[in-house]
N, C-alpha and C. Protein backbone atom coordinates (compact mmCIF):
# COMPACT_ATOMS: atom_id res chain seq x y z
N UNK A 1 -44.92 -3.53 110.60
CA UNK A 1 -43.58 -3.87 110.79
C UNK A 1 -43.26 -4.96 109.59
N UNK A 2 -42.55 -4.62 108.71
CA UNK A 2 -42.44 -6.03 107.12
C UNK A 2 -41.26 -6.53 108.34
N UNK A 3 -41.03 -7.84 107.74
CA UNK A 3 -40.41 -8.74 107.80
C UNK A 3 -38.89 -8.87 107.30
N UNK A 4 -38.11 -8.52 107.91
CA UNK A 4 -36.59 -8.42 107.28
C UNK A 4 -35.91 -10.15 106.88
N UNK A 5 -35.46 -10.27 106.13
CA UNK A 5 -34.48 -11.29 105.63
C UNK A 5 -33.25 -10.83 105.71
N UNK A 6 -32.37 -11.50 106.81
CA UNK A 6 -31.25 -10.52 107.09
C UNK A 6 -30.50 -11.83 106.12
N UNK A 7 -30.54 -12.76 105.58
CA UNK A 7 -29.52 -13.39 104.90
C UNK A 7 -29.53 -13.34 103.54
N UNK A 8 -30.76 -12.59 103.16
CA UNK A 8 -31.20 -11.82 101.32
C UNK A 8 -30.62 -10.50 101.53
N UNK A 9 -30.70 -10.02 102.65
CA UNK A 9 -29.66 -8.50 102.62
C UNK A 9 -28.47 -8.80 102.58
N UNK A 10 -27.67 -9.72 103.60
CA UNK A 10 -26.46 -9.88 103.18
C UNK A 10 -26.00 -10.64 101.96
N UNK A 11 -26.72 -11.30 101.52
CA UNK A 11 -26.21 -11.69 100.46
C UNK A 11 -25.92 -10.63 99.11
N UNK A 12 -27.31 -9.74 99.37
CA UNK A 12 -27.30 -8.27 98.34
C UNK A 12 -26.08 -7.45 98.30
N UNK A 13 -25.71 -7.38 99.62
CA UNK A 13 -24.93 -6.09 100.30
C UNK A 13 -23.75 -6.59 99.87
N UNK A 14 -23.40 -8.43 100.20
CA UNK A 14 -22.09 -8.71 99.92
C UNK A 14 -22.00 -8.81 97.96
N UNK A 15 -22.79 -9.06 97.45
CA UNK A 15 -22.31 -9.25 95.63
C UNK A 15 -22.63 -8.19 95.52
N UNK A 16 -23.06 -6.87 95.95
CA UNK A 16 -22.68 -5.26 95.01
C UNK A 16 -21.78 -4.89 95.39
N UNK A 17 -21.10 -5.39 96.70
CA UNK A 17 -19.89 -4.78 97.37
C UNK A 17 -18.52 -5.51 96.57
N UNK A 18 -18.91 -6.57 95.49
CA UNK A 18 -18.20 -7.41 95.21
C UNK A 18 -17.88 -6.88 93.26
N UNK A 19 -18.85 -6.40 92.68
CA UNK A 19 -19.15 -5.89 91.63
C UNK A 19 -18.13 -4.93 91.70
N UNK A 20 -17.77 -4.64 89.76
CA UNK A 20 -16.63 -3.75 89.97
C UNK A 20 -17.54 -2.81 88.75
N UNK A 21 -16.56 -2.01 88.04
CA UNK A 21 -17.57 -0.77 87.87
C UNK A 21 -18.01 -0.86 86.12
N UNK A 22 -17.52 -2.30 85.36
CA UNK A 22 -17.76 -2.83 84.08
C UNK A 22 -19.13 -2.85 83.73
N UNK A 23 -19.20 -2.48 82.45
CA UNK A 23 -20.31 -2.57 81.80
C UNK A 23 -20.78 -3.20 81.81
N UNK A 24 -20.35 -4.99 81.64
CA UNK A 24 -20.89 -5.88 81.18
C UNK A 24 -21.74 -6.82 83.00
N UNK A 25 -21.32 -5.89 83.91
CA UNK A 25 -22.06 -5.71 85.08
C UNK A 25 -22.62 -4.84 85.34
N UNK A 26 -23.57 -3.68 84.68
CA UNK A 26 -24.29 -2.97 84.65
C UNK A 26 -25.57 -3.43 85.06
N UNK A 27 -26.21 -5.06 84.82
CA UNK A 27 -27.39 -5.22 84.34
C UNK A 27 -27.45 -6.02 85.61
N UNK A 28 -26.26 -6.71 86.08
CA UNK A 28 -26.29 -7.55 87.67
C UNK A 28 -26.50 -6.78 88.94
N UNK A 29 -26.17 -5.17 88.72
CA UNK A 29 -26.15 -4.21 89.98
C UNK A 29 -27.31 -3.18 89.65
N UNK A 30 -28.04 -3.54 88.42
CA UNK A 30 -29.11 -3.06 88.42
C UNK A 30 -30.04 -4.17 89.10
N UNK A 31 -30.13 -5.40 88.62
CA UNK A 31 -31.18 -6.42 89.49
C UNK A 31 -30.97 -6.22 90.83
N UNK A 32 -29.57 -6.34 91.66
CA UNK A 32 -29.33 -5.88 92.75
C UNK A 32 -29.74 -5.39 93.43
N UNK A 33 -29.73 -4.31 92.71
CA UNK A 33 -30.35 -2.84 93.09
C UNK A 33 -32.02 -2.81 93.65
N UNK A 34 -32.59 -3.61 92.79
CA UNK A 34 -34.11 -3.22 92.39
C UNK A 34 -34.27 -4.02 93.80
N UNK A 35 -34.01 -5.52 93.77
CA UNK A 35 -34.25 -6.12 94.93
C UNK A 35 -33.89 -5.71 96.21
N UNK A 36 -32.59 -5.39 96.21
CA UNK A 36 -32.48 -4.14 97.40
C UNK A 36 -33.71 -3.31 97.98
N UNK A 37 -34.02 -2.60 96.81
CA UNK A 37 -34.85 -1.42 97.32
C UNK A 37 -36.46 -2.05 97.56
N UNK A 38 -36.55 -3.34 96.88
CA UNK A 38 -37.84 -3.96 97.52
C UNK A 38 -37.97 -4.67 98.56
N UNK A 39 -36.36 -5.33 99.34
CA UNK A 39 -36.12 -6.06 100.45
C UNK A 39 -36.62 -4.26 101.26
N UNK A 40 -36.23 -4.06 101.31
CA UNK A 40 -36.26 -2.67 102.08
C UNK A 40 -37.21 -1.21 102.19
N UNK A 41 -38.07 -1.52 100.98
CA UNK A 41 -38.72 -0.61 101.09
C UNK A 41 -38.76 0.84 100.88
N UNK A 42 -37.10 0.67 99.99
CA UNK A 42 -36.95 2.54 100.11
C UNK A 42 -36.38 2.46 98.38
N UNK A 43 -36.74 2.97 98.00
CA UNK A 43 -36.68 3.66 96.54
C UNK A 43 -35.51 3.98 95.55
N UNK A 44 -34.86 4.37 96.57
CA UNK A 44 -33.19 4.99 96.12
C UNK A 44 -32.23 3.89 96.49
N UNK A 45 -31.52 3.13 95.36
CA UNK A 45 -30.45 2.31 96.14
C UNK A 45 -29.35 2.71 96.66
N UNK A 46 -29.03 3.60 96.76
CA UNK A 46 -28.11 4.03 97.65
C UNK A 46 -28.21 4.43 99.21
N UNK A 47 -29.64 5.45 99.19
CA UNK A 47 -30.69 4.77 100.90
C UNK A 47 -30.27 3.09 101.08
N UNK A 48 -30.98 2.89 100.00
CA UNK A 48 -31.81 1.47 100.78
C UNK A 48 -30.25 0.94 100.77
N UNK A 49 -29.11 0.63 100.05
CA UNK A 49 -28.23 0.21 100.79
C UNK A 49 -27.17 0.20 101.67
N UNK A 50 -27.80 1.88 102.37
CA UNK A 50 -27.53 2.32 103.56
C UNK A 50 -28.17 1.95 104.58
N UNK A 51 -29.54 1.54 104.21
CA UNK A 51 -30.10 1.39 105.24
C UNK A 51 -29.86 -0.21 105.48
N UNK A 52 -29.69 -1.11 104.34
CA UNK A 52 -29.05 -2.31 104.69
C UNK A 52 -28.13 -2.42 105.57
N UNK A 53 -27.44 -1.90 105.45
CA UNK A 53 -25.85 -2.18 106.39
C UNK A 53 -26.45 -1.41 107.51
N UNK A 54 -26.89 -0.57 108.08
CA UNK A 54 -27.35 -0.42 109.48
C UNK A 54 -28.21 -1.16 109.71
N UNK A 55 -29.43 -2.01 109.05
CA UNK A 55 -30.18 -3.14 109.63
C UNK A 55 -28.94 -4.39 109.71
N UNK A 56 -28.09 -4.62 108.85
CA UNK A 56 -27.08 -5.76 109.34
C UNK A 56 -26.35 -5.52 110.61
N UNK A 57 -25.90 -4.39 110.65
CA UNK A 57 -24.37 -3.99 111.89
C UNK A 57 -26.39 -4.39 113.22
N UNK A 58 -27.41 -3.79 113.19
CA UNK A 58 -28.02 -3.55 114.20
C UNK A 58 -28.05 -5.57 114.39
N UNK A 59 -28.02 -5.85 113.29
CA UNK A 59 -28.84 -7.50 113.65
C UNK A 59 -27.59 -7.91 114.32
N UNK A 60 -26.66 -7.95 113.63
CA UNK A 60 -24.71 -8.14 114.21
C UNK A 60 -24.74 -8.11 115.68
N UNK A 61 -25.21 -6.93 116.34
CA UNK A 61 -24.98 -6.21 117.48
C UNK A 61 -26.07 -6.87 118.25
N UNK A 62 -27.00 -7.72 118.03
CA UNK A 62 -28.40 -8.05 118.79
C UNK A 62 -27.65 -9.94 119.13
N UNK A 63 -27.53 -10.42 117.88
CA UNK A 63 -26.40 -11.70 117.71
C UNK A 63 -26.05 -11.79 119.15
N UNK A 64 -25.10 -10.72 118.94
CA UNK A 64 -24.10 -11.02 119.94
C UNK A 64 -24.21 -10.87 121.60
N UNK A 65 -24.69 -10.02 121.39
CA UNK A 65 -25.64 -9.19 122.94
C UNK A 65 -26.42 -10.74 123.49
N UNK A 66 -26.88 -11.49 122.67
CA UNK A 66 -28.09 -12.61 123.13
C UNK A 66 -27.16 -13.70 123.09
N UNK A 67 -25.89 -13.81 122.61
CA UNK A 67 -24.51 -14.85 123.04
C UNK A 67 -24.36 -14.28 123.63
N UNK A 68 -24.07 -13.20 124.35
CA UNK A 68 -23.39 -12.78 125.79
C UNK A 68 -24.13 -13.26 127.34
N UNK A 69 -25.52 -12.97 126.40
CA UNK A 69 -26.64 -13.72 127.77
C UNK A 69 -26.75 -14.75 128.15
N UNK A 70 -26.87 -15.65 126.47
CA UNK A 70 -26.65 -17.38 126.41
C UNK A 70 -25.41 -18.12 127.51
N UNK A 71 -24.39 -17.24 127.74
CA UNK A 71 -22.87 -17.64 127.99
C UNK A 71 -22.76 -17.64 129.26
N UNK A 72 -23.49 -16.09 129.72
CA UNK A 72 -23.19 -16.17 131.33
C UNK A 72 -24.19 -16.66 131.81
C-alpha cells in the first residue's frame, strides 16, 4: 500500500482549484496534474483529482473521529 502525503494532496487540490482557464496557467496546471497523478498512482488527471478529494475527505473524517475519541 503506497504512503499518502495528505499535506501534498491538499496543496495540489487547493492550487488546482485556484487556477483559472487563462492560457498562461496551462503549464502550471499540467505540472500540478502530473504531480497529482504520480501521487495517487492514477494516470488520468480527472480521476486522480477525484481520488485525491476522496482521500482527503476520508482523512478529515478519520481525524474528526479520532478527536471525538480523545475528547470523550
